[in-house]
C-alpha atoms as a PDB file:
ATOM      1  CA  MET A   1     -23.653  -7.474  55.777  1.00  0.00           C
ATOM      2  CA  THR A   2     -24.459  -9.965  53.075  1.00  0.00           C
ATOM      3  CA  SER A   3     -26.101  -9.683  49.730  1.00  0.00           C
ATOM      4  CA  GLY A   4     -27.498 -12.003  47.115  1.00  0.00           C
ATOM      5  CA  GLU A   5     -27.214 -10.548  43.661  1.00  0.00           C
ATOM      6  CA  ARG A   6     -27.670  -6.916  44.682  1.00  0.00           C
ATOM      7  CA  ASP A   7     -26.493  -4.244  42.300  1.00  0.00           C
ATOM      8  CA  ASP A   8     -27.369  -1.193  44.365  1.00  0.00           C
ATOM      9  CA  ARG A   9     -24.634   1.176  45.485  1.00  0.00           C
ATOM     10  CA  LEU A  10     -23.785   3.164  48.573  1.00  0.00           C
ATOM     11  CA  TRP A  11     -22.440   6.586  47.627  1.00  0.00           C
ATOM     12  CA  LEU A  12     -20.317   8.362  50.237  1.00  0.00           C
ATOM     13  CA  VAL A  13     -19.544  12.081  50.155  1.00  0.00           C
ATOM     14  CA  ARG A  14     -17.208  13.702  52.645  1.00  0.00           C
ATOM     15  CA  HIS A  15     -18.166  17.275  53.470  1.00  0.00           C
ATOM     16  CA  GLY A  16     -16.349  20.231  51.914  1.00  0.00           C
ATOM     17  CA  GLU A  17     -13.325  21.883  53.460  1.00  0.00           C
ATOM     18  CA  THR A  18     -13.566  23.649  56.819  1.00  0.00           C
ATOM     19  CA  GLU A  19     -10.859  25.707  58.473  1.00  0.00           C
ATOM     20  CA  TRP A  20     -10.031  22.792  60.769  1.00  0.00           C
ATOM     21  CA  SER A  21     -10.025  20.111  58.056  1.00  0.00           C
ATOM     22  CA  LYS A  22      -7.715  22.369  56.069  1.00  0.00           C
ATOM     23  CA  ASN A  23      -5.340  22.519  59.065  1.00  0.00           C
ATOM     24  CA  GLY A  24      -5.623  18.848  60.045  1.00  0.00           C
ATOM     25  CA  ARG A  25      -7.420  19.542  63.324  1.00  0.00           C
ATOM     26  CA  HIS A  26      -9.727  16.830  64.675  1.00  0.00           C
ATOM     27  CA  THR A  27     -13.301  18.055  64.299  1.00  0.00           C
ATOM     28  CA  SER A  28     -16.221  16.137  65.683  1.00  0.00           C
ATOM     29  CA  THR A  29     -18.627  18.077  67.877  1.00  0.00           C
ATOM     30  CA  THR A  30     -17.427  21.560  66.911  1.00  0.00           C
ATOM     31  CA  ASP A  31     -19.908  22.685  64.272  1.00  0.00           C
ATOM     32  CA  LEU A  32     -17.765  24.581  61.777  1.00  0.00           C
ATOM     33  CA  PRO A  33     -18.977  26.064  58.493  1.00  0.00           C
ATOM     34  CA  LEU A  34     -17.364  25.368  55.150  1.00  0.00           C
ATOM     35  CA  THR A  35     -14.627  27.716  53.996  1.00  0.00           C
ATOM     36  CA  PRO A  36     -15.318  29.685  50.784  1.00  0.00           C
ATOM     37  CA  GLU A  37     -13.104  27.169  48.962  1.00  0.00           C
ATOM     38  CA  GLY A  38     -15.018  24.343  50.649  1.00  0.00           C
ATOM     39  CA  GLU A  39     -18.302  25.781  49.381  1.00  0.00           C
ATOM     40  CA  LYS A  40     -16.911  26.168  45.876  1.00  0.00           C
ATOM     41  CA  THR A  41     -15.665  22.578  45.754  1.00  0.00           C
ATOM     42  CA  ALA A  42     -18.822  21.195  47.369  1.00  0.00           C
ATOM     43  CA  ALA A  43     -20.884  22.951  44.687  1.00  0.00           C
ATOM     44  CA  THR A  44     -19.065  20.862  42.036  1.00  0.00           C
ATOM     45  CA  LEU A  45     -20.658  17.777  43.575  1.00  0.00           C
ATOM     46  CA  ARG A  46     -23.993  18.806  42.037  1.00  0.00           C
ATOM     47  CA  GLU A  47     -22.708  18.175  38.524  1.00  0.00           C
ATOM     48  CA  ARG A  48     -20.775  15.063  39.553  1.00  0.00           C
ATOM     49  CA  LEU A  49     -23.915  13.524  41.100  1.00  0.00           C
ATOM     50  CA  ALA A  50     -26.284  14.696  38.355  1.00  0.00           C
ATOM     51  CA  GLY A  51     -28.103  11.928  36.563  1.00  0.00           C
ATOM     52  CA  HIS A  52     -27.980   9.560  39.524  1.00  0.00           C
ATOM     53  CA  SER A  53     -31.160   8.578  41.306  1.00  0.00           C
ATOM     54  CA  PHE A  54     -31.106   7.815  45.022  1.00  0.00           C
ATOM     55  CA  ASP A  55     -33.739   5.982  47.011  1.00  0.00           C
ATOM     56  CA  LEU A  56     -32.446   7.442  50.278  1.00  0.00           C
ATOM     57  CA  VAL A  57     -30.217  10.444  51.014  1.00  0.00           C
ATOM     58  CA  LEU A  58     -28.777  10.783  54.502  1.00  0.00           C
ATOM     59  CA  THR A  59     -26.585  13.390  56.146  1.00  0.00           C
ATOM     60  CA  SER A  60     -24.806  13.941  59.396  1.00  0.00           C
ATOM     61  CA  PRO A  61     -26.496  16.650  61.465  1.00  0.00           C
ATOM     62  CA  ARG A  62     -23.340  18.799  61.455  1.00  0.00           C
ATOM     63  CA  VAL A  63     -23.546  22.049  59.480  1.00  0.00           C
ATOM     64  CA  ARG A  64     -20.565  21.154  57.305  1.00  0.00           C
ATOM     65  CA  ALA A  65     -22.238  17.957  56.079  1.00  0.00           C
ATOM     66  CA  ARG A  66     -25.741  19.421  55.708  1.00  0.00           C
ATOM     67  CA  HIS A  67     -24.427  22.437  53.778  1.00  0.00           C
ATOM     68  CA  THR A  68     -22.414  20.149  51.511  1.00  0.00           C
ATOM     69  CA  ALA A  69     -25.612  18.166  50.828  1.00  0.00           C
ATOM     70  CA  GLU A  70     -27.463  21.396  50.003  1.00  0.00           C
ATOM     71  CA  LEU A  71     -24.730  22.607  47.648  1.00  0.00           C
ATOM     72  CA  ALA A  72     -24.700  19.178  45.984  1.00  0.00           C
ATOM     73  CA  GLY A  73     -28.422  19.516  45.254  1.00  0.00           C
ATOM     74  CA  PHE A  74     -29.860  17.534  48.173  1.00  0.00           C
ATOM     75  CA  PRO A  75     -31.351  20.124  50.548  1.00  0.00           C
ATOM     76  CA  ASP A  76     -33.873  17.581  51.855  1.00  0.00           C
ATOM     77  CA  ALA A  77     -31.306  14.988  52.898  1.00  0.00           C
ATOM     78  CA  GLU A  78     -32.522  13.181  55.991  1.00  0.00           C
ATOM     79  CA  VAL A  79     -30.465  13.842  59.114  1.00  0.00           C
ATOM     80  CA  ASP A  80     -29.143  10.685  60.780  1.00  0.00           C
ATOM     81  CA  GLU A  81     -27.516  11.280  64.167  1.00  0.00           C
ATOM     82  CA  ASP A  82     -25.464   8.096  63.762  1.00  0.00           C
ATOM     83  CA  LEU A  83     -23.496   9.750  60.942  1.00  0.00           C
ATOM     84  CA  VAL A  84     -21.736  12.275  63.190  1.00  0.00           C
ATOM     85  CA  GLU A  85     -17.957  12.211  63.178  1.00  0.00           C
ATOM     86  CA  TRP A  86     -15.975  10.115  65.662  1.00  0.00           C
ATOM     87  CA  ASP A  87     -16.126  11.950  68.998  1.00  0.00           C
ATOM     88  CA  TYR A  88     -12.527  13.060  69.647  1.00  0.00           C
ATOM     89  CA  GLY A  89     -13.191  14.060  73.250  1.00  0.00           C
ATOM     90  CA  SER A  90     -10.173  15.893  74.689  1.00  0.00           C
ATOM     91  CA  TYR A  91      -8.488  15.827  71.280  1.00  0.00           C
ATOM     92  CA  GLU A  92     -11.151  18.035  69.663  1.00  0.00           C
ATOM     93  CA  GLY A  93      -9.447  20.813  67.688  1.00  0.00           C
ATOM     94  CA  ILE A  94      -5.974  19.299  68.039  1.00  0.00           C
ATOM     95  CA  THR A  95      -3.828  17.855  65.248  1.00  0.00           C
ATOM     96  CA  THR A  96      -2.361  14.353  65.300  1.00  0.00           C
ATOM     97  CA  ALA A  97       1.143  15.869  65.452  1.00  0.00           C
ATOM     98  CA  GLU A  98       0.193  17.807  68.596  1.00  0.00           C
ATOM     99  CA  ILE A  99      -1.282  14.697  70.232  1.00  0.00           C
ATOM    100  CA  ARG A 100       1.825  12.675  69.394  1.00  0.00           C
ATOM    101  CA  LYS A 101       3.994  15.092  71.385  1.00  0.00           C
ATOM    102  CA  THR A 102       2.540  13.517  74.546  1.00  0.00           C
ATOM    103  CA  VAL A 103       1.268  10.186  73.137  1.00  0.00           C
ATOM    104  CA  PRO A 104       3.856   8.918  70.604  1.00  0.00           C
ATOM    105  CA  GLY A 105       2.371   6.932  67.728  1.00  0.00           C
ATOM    106  CA  TRP A 106      -1.210   7.917  68.572  1.00  0.00           C
ATOM    107  CA  THR A 107      -3.938   7.278  65.993  1.00  0.00           C
ATOM    108  CA  VAL A 108      -7.691   7.416  66.404  1.00  0.00           C
ATOM    109  CA  TRP A 109      -7.775   3.885  65.014  1.00  0.00           C
ATOM    110  CA  SER A 110      -5.588   2.214  67.612  1.00  0.00           C
ATOM    111  CA  SER A 111      -5.284   4.452  70.663  1.00  0.00           C
ATOM    112  CA  PRO A 112      -7.604   5.655  73.421  1.00  0.00           C
ATOM    113  CA  VAL A 113      -9.462   8.922  72.887  1.00  0.00           C
ATOM    114  CA  PRO A 114      -9.825  10.520  76.344  1.00  0.00           C
ATOM    115  CA  GLY A 115     -13.425  11.611  76.823  1.00  0.00           C
ATOM    116  CA  GLY A 116     -14.323  10.468  73.301  1.00  0.00           C
ATOM    117  CA  GLU A 117     -15.659   7.374  71.577  1.00  0.00           C
ATOM    118  CA  THR A 118     -14.032   3.982  71.381  1.00  0.00           C
ATOM    119  CA  ALA A 119     -13.697   1.958  68.202  1.00  0.00           C
ATOM    120  CA  ALA A 120     -16.352  -0.423  69.573  1.00  0.00           C
ATOM    121  CA  GLN A 121     -18.798   2.451  70.090  1.00  0.00           C
ATOM    122  CA  ILE A 122     -18.165   3.678  66.537  1.00  0.00           C
ATOM    123  CA  ALA A 123     -18.722   0.170  65.160  1.00  0.00           C
ATOM    124  CA  THR A 124     -22.049  -0.134  66.984  1.00  0.00           C
ATOM    125  CA  ARG A 125     -23.232   3.246  65.705  1.00  0.00           C
ATOM    126  CA  LEU A 126     -22.170   2.686  62.106  1.00  0.00           C
ATOM    127  CA  ASP A 127     -23.511  -0.865  62.028  1.00  0.00           C
ATOM    128  CA  ARG A 128     -26.935   0.725  62.651  1.00  0.00           C
ATOM    129  CA  VAL A 129     -26.381   2.940  59.600  1.00  0.00           C
ATOM    130  CA  ASN A 130     -25.342  -0.038  57.474  1.00  0.00           C
ATOM    131  CA  ARG A 131     -28.413  -2.025  58.552  1.00  0.00           C
ATOM    132  CA  ARG A 132     -30.594   0.914  57.580  1.00  0.00           C
ATOM    133  CA  ILE A 133     -28.873   1.186  54.201  1.00  0.00           C
ATOM    134  CA  ALA A 134     -29.200  -2.567  53.611  1.00  0.00           C
ATOM    135  CA  SER A 135     -32.968  -2.300  54.075  1.00  0.00           C
ATOM    136  CA  VAL A 136     -33.243   0.063  51.085  1.00  0.00           C
ATOM    137  CA  ASP A 137     -33.833  -1.478  47.684  1.00  0.00           C
ATOM    138  CA  GLY A 138     -31.797   0.945  45.605  1.00  0.00           C
ATOM    139  CA  ASP A 139     -28.924   3.409  45.770  1.00  0.00           C
ATOM    140  CA  VAL A 140     -28.220   5.401  48.928  1.00  0.00           C
ATOM    141  CA  LEU A 141     -26.261   8.658  49.199  1.00  0.00           C
ATOM    142  CA  VAL A 142     -24.589   9.625  52.489  1.00  0.00           C
ATOM    143  CA  PHE A 143     -22.987  12.957  53.416  1.00  0.00           C
ATOM    144  CA  GLY A 144     -20.597  12.719  56.323  1.00  0.00           C
ATOM    145  CA  HIS A 145     -17.115  13.003  57.779  1.00  0.00           C
ATOM    146  CA  SER A 146     -13.686  11.492  57.225  1.00  0.00           C
ATOM    147  CA  HIS A 147     -13.177   9.027  60.070  1.00  0.00           C
ATOM    148  CA  ALA A 148     -16.848   8.092  60.365  1.00  0.00           C
ATOM    149  CA  LEU A 149     -17.171   7.364  56.624  1.00  0.00           C
ATOM    150  CA  ARG A 150     -13.915   5.412  56.651  1.00  0.00           C
ATOM    151  CA  ALA A 151     -15.192   3.375  59.600  1.00  0.00           C
ATOM    152  CA  LEU A 152     -18.550   2.904  57.856  1.00  0.00           C
ATOM    153  CA  THR A 153     -16.660   1.557  54.840  1.00  0.00           C
ATOM    154  CA  ALA A 154     -14.710  -0.898  56.976  1.00  0.00           C
ATOM    155  CA  ARG A 155     -17.945  -2.193  58.489  1.00  0.00           C
ATOM    156  CA  TRP A 156     -19.590  -2.358  55.021  1.00  0.00           C
ATOM    157  CA  LEU A 157     -16.685  -4.563  53.938  1.00  0.00           C
ATOM    158  CA  GLU A 158     -17.240  -6.757  57.024  1.00  0.00           C
ATOM    159  CA  LEU A 159     -13.902  -5.648  58.512  1.00  0.00           C
ATOM    160  CA  ASP A 160     -13.046  -4.449  61.984  1.00  0.00           C
ATOM    161  CA  VAL A 161     -13.840  -0.751  62.284  1.00  0.00           C
ATOM    162  CA  THR A 162     -10.129   0.008  62.799  1.00  0.00           C
ATOM    163  CA  GLU A 163      -9.430  -1.113  59.227  1.00  0.00           C
ATOM    164  CA  GLY A 164     -10.879   2.240  58.170  1.00  0.00           C
ATOM    165  CA  ARG A 165      -7.329   3.490  58.638  1.00  0.00           C
ATOM    166  CA  HIS A 166      -6.581   2.180  55.139  1.00  0.00           C
ATOM    167  CA  PHE A 167      -9.097   4.455  53.383  1.00  0.00           C
ATOM    168  CA  VAL A 168      -7.855   8.041  53.119  1.00  0.00           C
ATOM    169  CA  LEU A 169     -10.753  10.347  52.340  1.00  0.00           C
ATOM    170  CA  ASN A 170     -10.353  13.925  51.119  1.00  0.00           C
ATOM    171  CA  THR A 171     -12.931  16.680  51.437  1.00  0.00           C
ATOM    172  CA  ALA A 172     -15.738  16.945  48.854  1.00  0.00           C
ATOM    173  CA  THR A 173     -14.951  13.552  47.339  1.00  0.00           C
ATOM    174  CA  ILE A 174     -17.265  10.797  46.174  1.00  0.00           C
ATOM    175  CA  SER A 175     -16.751   7.107  46.868  1.00  0.00           C
ATOM    176  CA  THR A 176     -19.014   4.201  45.959  1.00  0.00           C
ATOM    177  CA  LEU A 177     -19.454   0.864  47.659  1.00  0.00           C
ATOM    178  CA  GLY A 178     -21.477  -2.020  46.367  1.00  0.00           C
ATOM    179  CA  TRP A 179     -21.364  -5.681  45.553  1.00  0.00           C
ATOM    180  CA  ASP A 180     -19.483  -8.172  43.420  1.00  0.00           C
ATOM    181  CA  ARG A 181     -20.873 -11.708  43.257  1.00  0.00           C
ATOM    182  CA  GLY A 182     -22.503 -11.252  46.643  1.00  0.00           C
ATOM    183  CA  SER A 183     -19.477  -9.769  48.409  1.00  0.00           C
ATOM    184  CA  PRO A 184     -19.342  -6.167  49.605  1.00  0.00           C
ATOM    185  CA  VAL A 185     -16.717  -4.173  47.672  1.00  0.00           C
ATOM    186  CA  VAL A 186     -15.305  -0.722  46.968  1.00  0.00           C
ATOM    187  CA  HIS A 187     -16.165   0.348  43.424  1.00  0.00           C
ATOM    188  CA  HIS A 188     -14.627   3.839  43.474  1.00  0.00           C
ATOM    189  CA  TRP A 189     -12.722   5.701  46.156  1.00  0.00           C
ATOM    190  CA  ASN A 190     -11.903   9.326  46.883  1.00  0.00           C
ATOM    191  CA  MET A 191     -12.994  10.624  43.450  1.00  0.00           C
END
């Protein structure tokens, strides 16, 4: 993705806490609600995003992302199927520590995901999101999931999707991407 002298920003919000995110379980297709604490924290996003104007607001179709968008004050966020979390296949609901008992050193970034998505599939999907965002003349707000947003960031920065491993993303946090002298950059992370 290239830019001239753009000054627009891409705002990323990871959904609020769920029972599985709290316990470190891989959650992609399982549609879990926010915990009470997740709702409380997600509601603080409303104040943190107040005063910002967005030309496009997108959300993953998963309940946890859509509810976070609602609590943040964006009940009409447009659902984009490409924003779903990385499909963990057979590893759905399992922690990394549990996976590593049978596959030492496993990470979603560098190892196969039986029955799930590959890094190349994720890159293709999130490149579509980035192209859509690039077509908007103004700020865009996206509500999504940890690995998918980290991968989206890597692709925004023109890196291999696996470089998303370097961007830890906590629940109910805000990050902003943008431009500096025509280069894609991270302005704020995991706020």
